[in-house]
Protein backbone atom coordinates (compact mmCIF):
# COMPACT_ATOMS: atom_id res chain seq x y z
CA MET A 1 353.27 -46.33 -82.75
CA ALA A 2 349.79 -46.81 -83.80
CA THR A 3 347.33 -44.74 -81.99
CA TYR A 4 343.58 -45.13 -81.42
CA LYS A 5 340.97 -42.42 -81.09
CA LYS A 6 337.34 -42.26 -80.63
CA ARG A 7 335.27 -42.11 -83.80
CA GLY A 8 331.55 -42.34 -84.38
CA TYR A 9 330.30 -45.02 -86.77
CA LYS A 10 327.49 -44.24 -89.25
CA PRO A 11 326.04 -47.38 -90.71
CA LYS A 12 325.87 -47.85 -94.43
CA THR A 13 322.62 -47.40 -96.09
CA LYS A 14 320.80 -50.09 -98.09
CA GLU A 15 321.37 -48.01 -101.23
CA GLU A 16 325.21 -48.20 -100.69
CA VAL A 17 325.14 -52.04 -100.61
CA GLU A 18 322.36 -52.76 -103.04
CA HIS A 19 322.74 -55.73 -105.29
CA VAL A 20 322.78 -55.81 -109.11
CA GLU A 21 319.23 -56.70 -110.29
CA ASP A 22 320.36 -59.78 -112.45
CA GLU A 23 322.25 -61.58 -109.78
CA ASN A 24 321.09 -64.98 -109.05
CA SER A 25 320.14 -66.16 -105.53
CA THR A 26 323.49 -67.67 -104.73
CA THR A 27 325.40 -64.50 -105.49
CA ALA A 28 322.79 -62.46 -103.62
CA GLU A 29 323.36 -64.85 -100.54
CA VAL A 30 327.00 -64.29 -100.77
CA PHE A 31 326.64 -60.49 -100.84
CA ASN A 32 324.28 -60.71 -97.80
CA THR A 33 327.17 -62.52 -96.06
CA LEU A 34 329.47 -59.74 -97.11
CA ASP A 35 327.26 -57.15 -95.70
CA GLU A 36 326.85 -58.95 -92.43
CA THR A 37 330.59 -59.50 -91.97
CA ALA A 38 331.31 -55.93 -92.53
CA SER A 39 328.90 -54.93 -89.91
CA LYS A 40 329.75 -57.89 -87.37
CA THR A 41 333.42 -57.83 -87.68
CA GLU A 42 334.07 -59.20 -84.24
CA ASP A 43 332.67 -62.74 -85.22
CA TRP A 44 334.60 -62.46 -88.45
CA VAL A 45 337.91 -61.64 -86.77
CA VAL A 46 337.36 -64.68 -84.40
CA LYS A 47 336.54 -67.03 -87.24
CA ASN A 48 339.59 -66.04 -89.26
CA GLN A 49 342.13 -66.17 -86.37
CA LYS A 50 341.15 -69.43 -84.52
CA TYR A 51 343.43 -71.56 -86.74
CA ILE A 52 346.12 -68.82 -86.79
CA PHE A 53 346.57 -68.70 -82.94
CA VAL A 54 347.60 -72.32 -82.94
CA ILE A 55 350.21 -71.62 -85.45
CA ILE A 56 351.30 -68.55 -83.57
CA GLY A 57 352.06 -70.80 -80.48
CA VAL A 58 354.05 -73.22 -82.63
CA VAL A 59 356.09 -70.50 -84.34
CA ALA A 60 356.70 -68.41 -81.24
CA VAL A 61 358.10 -71.45 -79.53
CA GLY A 62 360.43 -72.04 -82.49
CA VAL A 63 361.56 -68.44 -82.36
CA LEU A 64 362.00 -68.56 -78.64
CA GLY A 65 364.23 -71.60 -78.96
CA TYR A 66 366.32 -70.18 -81.77
CA LEU A 67 366.78 -67.03 -79.79
CA GLY A 68 367.81 -68.99 -76.69
CA TYR A 69 370.50 -70.81 -78.57
CA LYS A 70 371.75 -67.82 -80.31
CA GLU A 71 372.05 -65.58 -77.35
CA PHE A 72 373.14 -68.15 -74.63
CA VAL A 73 376.71 -67.14 -74.67
CA ALA A 74 376.69 -63.63 -76.14
CA LYS A 75 373.91 -62.29 -73.95
CA PRO A 76 373.24 -64.11 -70.71
CA ALA A 77 370.43 -61.48 -69.94
CA GLN A 78 368.47 -62.84 -72.95
CA THR A 79 368.74 -66.32 -71.61
CA GLU A 80 367.53 -65.38 -68.13
CA ALA A 81 364.62 -63.25 -69.73
CA MET A 82 363.47 -66.32 -71.71
CA ASN A 83 363.73 -68.58 -68.69
CA ASP A 84 361.51 -66.19 -66.89
CA MET A 85 359.11 -66.02 -69.84
CA PHE A 86 358.49 -69.79 -69.97
CA GLN A 87 355.59 -70.09 -67.62
CA ALA A 88 353.90 -67.07 -69.12
CA GLN A 89 354.26 -68.60 -72.70
CA LYS A 90 352.74 -71.86 -71.20
CA TYR A 91 349.74 -70.12 -69.99
CA TYR A 92 349.40 -68.26 -73.27
CA ASN A 93 349.60 -71.56 -75.27
CA GLU A 94 346.97 -73.12 -72.94
CA ALA A 95 344.61 -70.13 -73.51
CA VAL A 96 344.92 -70.47 -77.29
CA THR A 97 344.02 -74.08 -77.23
CA GLY A 98 341.92 -74.35 -74.01
CA THR A 99 338.42 -73.29 -72.91
CA ASP A 100 339.06 -70.97 -69.84
CA LYS A 101 340.49 -68.46 -72.01
CA ASP A 102 340.18 -65.17 -70.18
CA SER A 103 341.58 -66.70 -66.97
CA LEU A 104 344.46 -68.12 -68.76
CA PHE A 105 345.28 -64.96 -70.77
CA ASN A 106 345.23 -63.03 -67.47
CA LEU A 107 347.62 -65.41 -66.07
CA ALA A 108 349.91 -65.03 -69.19
CA LEU A 109 349.78 -61.27 -68.82
CA ASN A 110 350.18 -61.06 -65.03
CA GLY A 111 351.98 -64.28 -64.04
CA GLY A 112 351.03 -67.15 -61.60
CA GLU A 113 352.66 -69.81 -59.44
CA GLY A 114 355.35 -67.21 -58.39
CA LYS A 115 356.37 -66.76 -62.04
CA TYR A 116 356.54 -63.61 -64.21
CA GLY A 117 353.83 -62.68 -66.56
CA MET A 118 354.37 -61.14 -69.99
CA LEU A 119 353.98 -57.65 -68.59
CA ASP A 120 356.66 -58.47 -65.98
CA ILE A 121 358.94 -59.71 -68.85
CA ILE A 122 358.40 -56.27 -70.65
CA SER A 123 359.29 -54.29 -67.67
CA GLU A 124 362.02 -56.34 -66.00
CA HIS A 125 363.87 -57.37 -69.09
CA SER A 126 363.46 -54.40 -71.46
CA GLY A 127 365.77 -54.37 -74.45
CA THR A 128 365.91 -58.18 -74.90
CA GLU A 129 364.44 -60.09 -77.62
CA ALA A 130 362.17 -61.94 -74.99
CA ALA A 131 360.71 -58.53 -74.01
CA ASN A 132 360.03 -57.72 -77.75
CA LEU A 133 358.36 -61.21 -78.17
CA ALA A 134 356.36 -60.56 -74.80
CA ASN A 135 354.86 -57.38 -76.55
CA TYR A 136 353.48 -59.64 -79.36
CA TYR A 137 352.03 -62.19 -76.86
CA THR A 138 350.62 -59.31 -74.77
CA GLY A 139 348.95 -57.54 -77.60
CA MET A 140 347.46 -60.87 -78.95
CA ALA A 141 346.18 -61.66 -75.32
CA TYR A 142 344.42 -58.38 -75.11
CA LEU A 143 342.98 -58.65 -78.50
CA ASN A 144 341.53 -61.95 -77.50
CA MET A 145 340.09 -60.40 -74.40
CA LYS A 146 338.63 -57.66 -76.36
CA ASP A 147 340.72 -54.99 -74.82
CA TYR A 148 341.46 -53.44 -78.29
CA LYS A 149 343.37 -50.24 -77.12
CA ASN A 150 345.91 -52.21 -75.18
CA ALA A 151 346.04 -54.59 -78.15
CA VAL A 152 347.06 -51.76 -80.39
CA SER A 153 349.51 -50.29 -77.90
CA TYR A 154 351.54 -53.51 -77.35
CA LEU A 155 351.45 -54.88 -80.74
CA SER A 156 352.69 -51.66 -82.11
CA ASP A 157 355.72 -52.11 -79.88
CA TYR A 158 356.45 -55.44 -81.26
CA THR A 159 359.33 -55.15 -83.88
CA GLY A 160 359.34 -58.86 -85.22
CA GLU A 161 359.48 -59.24 -89.07
CA ASP A 162 359.51 -63.10 -89.36
CA GLU A 163 357.33 -65.00 -91.79
CA ALA A 164 354.39 -65.43 -89.35
CA THR A 165 354.33 -63.16 -86.35
CA GLY A 166 355.35 -60.05 -88.19
CA PRO A 167 352.39 -59.97 -90.58
CA ILE A 168 349.93 -61.30 -87.98
CA ALA A 169 350.92 -58.56 -85.48
CA LYS A 170 350.20 -55.89 -88.32
CA GLY A 171 346.99 -57.66 -89.10
CA ALA A 172 345.97 -57.99 -85.51
CA ILE A 173 346.24 -54.26 -85.01
CA GLY A 174 344.00 -53.92 -88.10
CA ASP A 175 341.46 -56.17 -86.39
CA ALA A 176 341.63 -54.10 -83.21
CA PHE A 177 341.11 -50.85 -85.20
CA VAL A 178 338.12 -52.49 -86.87
CA GLN A 179 336.58 -53.00 -83.45
CA LEU A 180 337.40 -49.37 -82.54
CA ASN A 181 335.56 -48.16 -85.60
CA GLN A 182 338.78 -46.71 -87.06
CA LYS A 183 338.36 -48.59 -90.42
CA GLU A 184 340.64 -46.37 -92.34
CA ASP A 185 343.55 -47.19 -89.91
CA ALA A 186 342.49 -50.91 -90.14
CA LEU A 187 342.76 -50.85 -93.96
CA GLY A 188 346.24 -49.41 -93.75
CA TYR A 189 347.31 -52.26 -91.41
CA TYR A 190 345.73 -55.00 -93.45
CA VAL A 191 347.63 -53.75 -96.44
CA GLN A 192 350.93 -53.71 -94.36
CA ALA A 193 350.26 -57.12 -93.22
CA ALA A 194 349.64 -58.40 -96.64
CA GLU A 195 352.69 -56.68 -98.18
CA MET A 196 355.09 -57.45 -95.30
CA ARG A 197 355.72 -61.17 -96.37
CA LYS A 198 354.29 -62.93 -99.21
CA ASN A 199 353.24 -66.40 -98.33
CA GLU A 200 350.11 -68.64 -98.66
CA LEU A 201 348.90 -68.14 -95.14
CA THR A 202 348.84 -64.60 -94.18
CA THR A 203 348.97 -62.72 -97.55
CA PRO A 204 345.63 -63.83 -98.97
CA MET A 205 344.05 -63.44 -95.77
CA TYR A 206 344.86 -59.85 -95.22
CA LEU A 207 344.31 -58.99 -98.84
CA TYR A 208 340.76 -60.46 -98.20
CA LYS A 209 340.18 -58.32 -95.14
CA ALA A 210 341.66 -55.26 -96.79
CA GLY A 211 339.28 -55.80 -99.74
CA ILE A 212 336.22 -56.22 -97.37
CA ILE A 213 337.13 -53.11 -95.37
CA ALA A 214 337.78 -51.12 -98.72
CA LEU A 215 334.30 -52.07 -99.94
CA ASP A 216 332.83 -50.82 -96.77
CA LEU A 217 334.73 -47.61 -96.98
CA GLY A 218 333.50 -46.99 -100.50
CA LYS A 219 336.87 -47.74 -102.04
CA ALA A 220 335.65 -50.34 -104.66
CA GLY A 221 338.73 -49.79 -106.91
CA GLU A 222 341.10 -50.65 -104.18
CA ALA A 223 338.96 -53.54 -103.15
CA LEU A 224 339.04 -54.86 -106.78
CA LYS A 225 342.84 -54.76 -106.78
CA TYR A 226 343.05 -56.80 -103.68
CA PHE A 227 340.44 -59.40 -104.57
CA THR A 228 342.14 -59.89 -108.10
CA THR A 229 345.48 -60.38 -106.44
CA ILE A 230 344.02 -63.21 -104.41
CA LYS A 231 342.55 -64.83 -107.59
CA GLU A 232 345.70 -64.50 -109.63
CA GLU A 233 348.34 -65.19 -107.09
CA TYR A 234 346.81 -67.27 -104.53
CA PRO A 235 344.13 -69.37 -106.19
CA SER A 236 344.54 -72.27 -103.69
CA ALA A 237 343.91 -70.11 -100.64
CA THR A 238 340.73 -70.48 -98.69
CA GLU A 239 339.88 -66.73 -99.41
CA ALA A 240 339.91 -67.52 -103.16
CA THR A 241 336.89 -69.90 -102.98
CA ASN A 242 334.21 -67.32 -103.85
CA ILE A 243 336.62 -64.53 -104.94
CA ASP A 244 334.89 -64.08 -108.44
CA VAL A 245 331.67 -62.87 -106.55
CA PHE A 246 333.75 -60.25 -104.65
CA ILE A 247 335.40 -59.19 -107.82
CA GLY A 248 332.03 -58.78 -109.47
CA LYS A 249 330.78 -56.75 -106.58
CA ALA A 250 333.82 -54.48 -106.59
CA GLU A 251 333.64 -54.02 -110.37
CA VAL A 252 329.93 -53.04 -110.24
CA LEU A 253 330.59 -50.51 -107.38
CA ALA A 254 333.67 -49.18 -109.10
CA ASN A 255 332.00 -48.38 -112.22
CA LYS A 256 328.95 -46.51 -110.55
């Protein structure tokens, strides 16, 4: 299981993020954005995950339906667990797409209308696939509620390895570690998320995040590798839009 620890954070000096003298104003503006996103990671995490949360809900519903069909005869306990989980999942999906997020995430976690919450599913149906999926929902809910320690704990207990939720769970642990100022740990999880499944959605996003954090940690060579992979293998990804600028930044720092 991933662990968190308290760690002080020492801001980077201006010298560590200085720009090349001959860069034009457009490039300089992008670099300023890079520096800002490195220091204000919370806004960055929210921006990059908004569109993913909707996909998560759709994918999870599909996974749940598939598991329900597969286990209906073989494991009645699994069917019962998924039935118990229905209302909590509904609350979670409403939180993702709605406005009263904290209240709905709390209902998803703790239950409402006499129905189980995700935490109940984990404790009452331990060992089932529903409980495993509940770990994912619980961790993502805590991440949205900015309870980063619990987010790390529950997402670490999720063992799904499908095309979407597997990488996103790893990447979300990375997001939580960024907020806990454990950027070395965050980098490791971003790399795991990028490598877990190769696809156009999660791979370039987590390569990009890995590159940003690597630059912030002074690992320009690693950052260059991640940015170059985006350019060469995922040219249509959103993250590839200004990737040449980031490649240039990494090259300059790597050669210092």
